[in-house]
Amino acid sequence: MFFKKKKETATPAIKMKTIICIPGIWKDRSDLVSSIFNNNANEFIFSGNVLLNMNTQQQFEIEVCDHDERMANSFKVAGMANRLDDSFLGEIEKHNTVIYLIGEGGSLEKAEAIAKAAQAIINAGGRGVKVETAGKAFTKEQWTSLIAGKPQSNLYKMFVLDSITEIETETVFSCGMHNLGLKDTIVSRTTLEESLDMISIFSYYQIVDKPVIRHGQTFSKAADSPIYQILEEPSPPYSGMELFENPYGMWRLQRKIS
């Protein structure tokens, strides 16, 4: 990995929420409470509007809503990256209740904690998972598989959609890195394959190596690969969109011409 680094002061703390939607077939609130308790080895309990991890004492807000006729379509749109099929969407359509799980985001540790809380609701009968603050949906099997592996190393796959494409401007960008406490990335005027590759590699680099990055530095995935300049993006594509707007900002990778 080729990266020019300069010293930088720490970024001020930013408070933001991660929101996860989980539809299920619970008959009523009492059914939900007992299902969470009975299917999570006494690790999670739901009382009032709080889901409590009894091992860590971490708390998450829960909003319980009735059947939403738009739910299957919203999963269809958010599930394109994970190729959710019609059979699964049919199961989503049959839901009785929708759970919105809300927790503090902005770090890998907090993202892992809410991911495990979402799994507790899946264990209790949730049909699927949609990360509202990324626009990305999963079957319950997909989410469980990511949790069962190494959760922290899978957080990028769980909380970031990295293939949003604007064909007319030849632009590709990510959404959801704020769930992990990091900036999103945008790339323009390269091939789709190259853009997707650069966004993924640069994002993982931020997550794994935790570098200090400044406007104007350069980045390359290998010593003999094209060099990109890292620029602060002044106008992210989803500015003003409450769920998607990243308070940490966005990096633009601009390929340098030799």
Protein backbone atom coordinates (compact mmCIF):
# COMPACT_ATOMS: atom_id res chain seq x y z
CA MET A 1 0.00 0.00 0.00
CA PHE A 2 1.42 3.39 -1.03
CA PHE A 3 0.32 6.32 1.08
CA LYS A 4 1.84 9.71 1.90
CA LYS A 5 1.00 10.66 5.46
CA LYS A 6 1.17 13.94 7.38
CA LYS A 7 0.47 14.75 10.99
CA GLU A 8 -3.08 15.73 11.87
CA THR A 9 -4.95 16.63 15.03
CA ALA A 10 -7.73 14.32 16.22
CA THR A 11 -11.20 14.79 14.76
CA PRO A 12 -13.68 16.21 17.31
CA ALA A 13 -16.20 13.70 18.64
CA ILE A 14 -19.43 13.54 16.65
CA LYS A 15 -22.62 11.98 17.96
CA MET A 16 -24.78 10.12 15.46
CA LYS A 17 -27.32 7.31 15.50
CA THR A 18 -27.32 4.01 13.67
CA ILE A 19 -30.82 2.77 12.82
CA ILE A 20 -31.71 -0.80 11.87
CA CYS A 21 -35.11 -2.03 10.65
CA ILE A 22 -36.20 -5.61 11.39
CA PRO A 23 -39.68 -6.87 10.40
CA GLY A 24 -41.11 -9.96 12.10
CA ILE A 25 -44.26 -11.94 12.79
CA TRP A 26 -44.67 -11.24 16.52
CA LYS A 27 -48.34 -11.16 17.47
CA ASP A 28 -47.98 -8.33 19.98
CA ARG A 29 -45.51 -6.62 22.29
CA SER A 30 -45.72 -9.38 24.88
CA ASP A 31 -44.80 -11.94 22.24
CA LEU A 32 -41.79 -9.83 21.25
CA VAL A 33 -40.59 -9.46 24.86
CA SER A 34 -40.80 -13.19 25.57
CA SER A 35 -39.27 -14.15 22.21
CA ILE A 36 -36.21 -11.96 22.79
CA PHE A 37 -35.70 -13.33 26.29
CA ASN A 38 -36.24 -16.99 25.38
CA ASN A 39 -34.08 -17.07 22.24
CA ASN A 40 -30.92 -15.31 23.39
CA ALA A 41 -29.57 -17.43 26.26
CA ASN A 42 -30.51 -14.75 28.79
CA GLU A 43 -28.15 -12.28 27.09
CA PHE A 44 -30.72 -9.70 25.96
CA ILE A 45 -33.94 -8.44 27.55
CA PHE A 46 -36.49 -5.96 26.21
CA SER A 47 -38.26 -3.71 28.73
CA GLY A 48 -40.03 -0.41 28.18
CA ASN A 49 -38.47 0.88 24.98
CA VAL A 50 -34.99 -0.44 25.77
CA LEU A 51 -33.14 -3.53 24.57
CA LEU A 52 -30.45 -4.33 27.15
CA ASN A 53 -27.37 -6.47 26.62
CA MET A 54 -27.05 -7.93 30.10
CA ASN A 55 -23.41 -8.93 29.58
CA THR A 56 -22.16 -5.49 28.55
CA GLN A 57 -24.96 -3.29 29.98
CA GLN A 58 -25.23 -1.57 26.59
CA GLN A 59 -28.69 -0.18 25.87
CA PHE A 60 -30.49 0.32 22.57
CA GLU A 61 -33.76 2.07 21.86
CA ILE A 62 -36.54 0.07 20.21
CA GLU A 63 -39.52 1.48 18.36
CA VAL A 64 -42.30 -1.04 17.68
CA CYS A 65 -44.49 -0.32 14.66
CA ASP A 66 -47.40 -2.08 12.96
CA HIS A 67 -47.37 -3.77 9.55
CA ASP A 68 -46.03 -1.46 6.82
CA GLU A 69 -47.27 -2.17 3.31
CA ARG A 70 -44.16 -0.47 1.86
CA MET A 71 -41.74 -2.80 3.65
CA ALA A 72 -41.25 -5.45 0.96
CA ASN A 73 -40.51 -2.82 -1.68
CA SER A 74 -38.09 -0.98 0.60
CA PHE A 75 -36.22 -4.26 1.15
CA LYS A 76 -36.22 -4.87 -2.59
CA VAL A 77 -34.58 -1.51 -3.30
CA ALA A 78 -32.10 -1.75 -0.41
CA GLY A 79 -31.37 -5.40 -1.18
CA MET A 80 -30.03 -5.02 -4.71
CA ALA A 81 -26.40 -5.33 -3.60
CA ASN A 82 -27.19 -8.58 -1.78
CA ARG A 83 -29.49 -9.91 -4.52
CA LEU A 84 -32.54 -10.51 -2.35
CA ASP A 85 -34.95 -12.79 -4.21
CA ASP A 86 -38.73 -12.77 -4.57
CA SER A 87 -39.17 -15.64 -2.13
CA PHE A 88 -37.49 -13.66 0.63
CA LEU A 89 -39.44 -10.51 -0.23
CA GLY A 90 -42.61 -12.57 0.06
CA GLU A 91 -41.63 -13.48 3.61
CA ILE A 92 -41.03 -9.81 4.41
CA GLU A 93 -44.50 -9.00 3.07
CA LYS A 94 -46.03 -11.35 5.68
CA HIS A 95 -44.66 -9.42 8.67
CA ASN A 96 -46.95 -8.29 11.47
CA THR A 97 -44.58 -5.94 13.25
CA VAL A 98 -41.63 -3.73 12.38
CA ILE A 99 -38.84 -3.11 14.87
CA TYR A 100 -36.58 -0.08 14.61
CA LEU A 101 -33.41 -0.62 16.59
CA ILE A 102 -31.59 2.62 17.41
CA GLY A 103 -28.18 3.00 18.98
CA GLU A 104 -25.25 5.36 19.14
CA GLY A 105 -22.96 4.90 16.14
CA GLY A 106 -19.69 6.37 15.04
CA SER A 107 -17.13 3.68 15.85
CA LEU A 108 -16.31 0.06 15.05
CA GLU A 109 -17.08 -0.94 18.62
CA LYS A 110 -20.52 0.70 18.61
CA ALA A 111 -21.33 -0.76 15.20
CA GLU A 112 -20.41 -4.24 16.40
CA ALA A 113 -22.58 -3.79 19.49
CA ILE A 114 -25.70 -2.81 17.54
CA ALA A 115 -25.02 -5.55 14.97
CA LYS A 116 -25.17 -8.10 17.80
CA ALA A 117 -28.32 -6.46 19.18
CA ALA A 118 -29.91 -6.83 15.73
CA GLN A 119 -28.92 -10.50 15.77
CA ALA A 120 -30.76 -10.90 19.07
CA ILE A 121 -33.96 -9.73 17.36
CA ILE A 122 -33.28 -12.05 14.41
CA ASN A 123 -32.92 -14.91 16.89
CA ALA A 124 -36.29 -13.92 18.32
CA GLY A 125 -38.07 -14.17 14.95
CA GLY A 126 -36.92 -11.26 12.81
CA ARG A 127 -37.28 -11.96 9.07
CA GLY A 128 -34.54 -9.71 7.70
CA VAL A 129 -32.34 -6.69 8.40
CA LYS A 130 -32.25 -3.28 6.72
CA VAL A 131 -29.63 -0.78 7.85
CA GLU A 132 -31.58 2.45 7.47
CA THR A 133 -28.46 4.57 7.86
CA ALA A 134 -26.84 2.94 4.84
CA GLY A 135 -29.73 1.79 2.64
CA LYS A 136 -28.59 -1.84 2.65
CA ALA A 137 -30.73 -4.92 3.32
CA PHE A 138 -29.98 -8.54 4.22
CA THR A 139 -31.78 -11.83 4.69
CA LYS A 140 -31.60 -13.13 8.23
CA GLU A 141 -29.23 -15.86 7.01
CA GLN A 142 -26.85 -13.31 5.47
CA TRP A 143 -26.77 -11.22 8.65
CA THR A 144 -26.30 -14.27 10.89
CA SER A 145 -23.44 -15.51 8.71
CA LEU A 146 -21.63 -12.18 9.02
CA ILE A 147 -22.10 -12.18 12.80
CA ALA A 148 -20.98 -15.79 13.12
CA GLY A 149 -17.67 -15.08 11.40
CA LYS A 150 -15.49 -12.30 12.75
CA PRO A 151 -18.03 -9.53 13.37
CA GLN A 152 -15.63 -6.57 13.43
CA SER A 153 -13.93 -7.59 10.18
CA ASN A 154 -17.38 -7.85 8.55
CA LEU A 155 -18.68 -4.47 9.69
CA TYR A 156 -17.91 -2.85 6.34
CA LYS A 157 -20.09 -5.42 4.56
CA MET A 158 -22.87 -4.91 7.12
CA PHE A 159 -22.98 -1.14 7.42
CA VAL A 160 -21.66 0.29 4.14
CA LEU A 161 -23.13 0.32 0.65
CA ASP A 162 -20.18 0.99 -1.66
CA SER A 163 -21.66 0.71 -5.14
CA ILE A 164 -24.02 3.67 -5.57
CA THR A 165 -23.63 4.74 -9.19
CA GLU A 166 -24.52 7.90 -11.11
CA ILE A 167 -24.13 6.77 -14.71
CA GLU A 168 -24.52 10.21 -16.28
CA THR A 169 -21.56 11.61 -14.29
CA GLU A 170 -19.53 8.36 -14.26
CA THR A 171 -19.49 8.58 -10.47
CA VAL A 172 -19.50 5.86 -7.82
CA PHE A 173 -19.70 6.51 -4.08
CA SER A 174 -20.25 4.81 -0.75
CA CYS A 175 -22.86 5.41 1.93
CA GLY A 176 -22.81 4.29 5.55
CA MET A 177 -19.23 4.81 6.71
CA HIS A 178 -20.58 7.20 9.36
CA ASN A 179 -21.92 4.11 11.13
CA LEU A 180 -18.24 3.22 11.64
CA GLY A 181 -17.10 6.75 12.44
CA LEU A 182 -15.37 7.39 9.10
CA LYS A 183 -15.79 9.39 5.91
CA ASP A 184 -17.40 7.97 2.80
CA THR A 185 -15.59 7.89 -0.54
CA ILE A 186 -16.48 9.09 -4.04
CA VAL A 187 -14.69 8.37 -7.34
CA SER A 188 -15.50 9.81 -10.77
CA ARG A 189 -14.48 9.28 -14.38
CA THR A 190 -12.83 5.89 -14.12
CA THR A 191 -14.21 2.50 -15.08
CA LEU A 192 -16.90 1.07 -12.82
CA GLU A 193 -14.62 -1.81 -11.86
CA GLU A 194 -11.77 0.55 -10.95
CA SER A 195 -14.07 2.84 -8.95
CA LEU A 196 -15.56 -0.03 -6.95
CA ASP A 197 -12.10 -1.44 -6.32
CA MET A 198 -10.69 1.89 -5.12
CA ILE A 199 -13.64 2.63 -2.82
CA SER A 200 -13.43 -0.81 -1.21
CA ILE A 201 -9.66 -0.78 -0.76
CA PHE A 202 -9.53 2.80 0.52
CA SER A 203 -12.40 2.17 2.94
CA TYR A 204 -10.86 -1.01 4.33
CA TYR A 205 -7.57 0.87 4.64
CA GLN A 206 -9.26 3.44 6.86
CA ILE A 207 -10.87 0.71 8.97
CA VAL A 208 -7.86 -1.58 9.37
CA ASP A 209 -4.86 0.80 9.43
CA LYS A 210 -6.66 3.80 10.95
CA PRO A 211 -4.40 6.33 9.20
CA VAL A 212 -4.53 10.08 9.75
CA ILE A 213 -5.58 11.51 6.38
CA ARG A 214 -5.38 15.09 5.14
CA HIS A 215 -6.73 16.89 2.11
CA GLY A 216 -4.18 16.80 -0.69
CA GLN A 217 -2.41 13.58 0.22
CA THR A 218 -2.10 10.77 -2.30
CA PHE A 219 -3.13 7.12 -2.24
CA SER A 220 -2.48 4.08 -4.39
CA LYS A 221 -3.42 0.45 -3.88
CA ALA A 222 0.09 -0.65 -4.90
CA ALA A 223 3.41 0.96 -5.75
CA ASP A 224 2.91 0.38 -9.48
CA SER A 225 -0.80 1.30 -9.57
CA PRO A 226 -2.38 4.63 -10.55
CA ILE A 227 -2.06 7.39 -7.97
CA TYR A 228 -5.12 9.20 -6.63
CA GLN A 229 -5.19 12.51 -4.83
CA ILE A 230 -7.35 12.60 -1.70
CA LEU A 231 -9.59 15.66 -1.59
CA GLU A 232 -12.33 16.84 0.75
CA GLU A 233 -15.60 16.54 -1.18
CA PRO A 234 -17.51 19.82 -0.67
CA SER A 235 -20.86 18.55 -1.98
CA PRO A 236 -21.56 14.91 -1.05
CA PRO A 237 -24.41 13.41 -3.13
CA TYR A 238 -26.69 12.88 -0.12
CA SER A 239 -26.21 16.19 1.72
CA GLY A 240 -29.39 17.04 3.59
CA MET A 241 -30.66 13.44 3.64
CA GLU A 242 -31.04 12.74 7.35
CA LEU A 243 -30.35 8.99 7.37
CA PHE A 244 -27.54 9.00 4.84
CA GLU A 245 -25.68 12.27 5.40
CA ASN A 246 -22.25 11.58 6.83
CA PRO A 247 -21.31 14.11 9.55
CA TYR A 248 -17.66 13.10 9.18
CA GLY A 249 -17.65 14.13 5.53
CA MET A 250 -16.53 12.45 2.32
CA TRP A 251 -13.21 11.87 0.58
CA ARG A 252 -12.93 12.26 -3.18
CA LEU A 253 -10.29 10.12 -4.86
CA GLN A 254 -9.17 11.96 -7.99
CA ARG A 255 -6.87 10.10 -10.33
CA LYS A 256 -3.67 12.01 -11.07
CA ILE A 257 -2.67 12.39 -14.71
CA SER A 258 0.96 11.46 -15.35
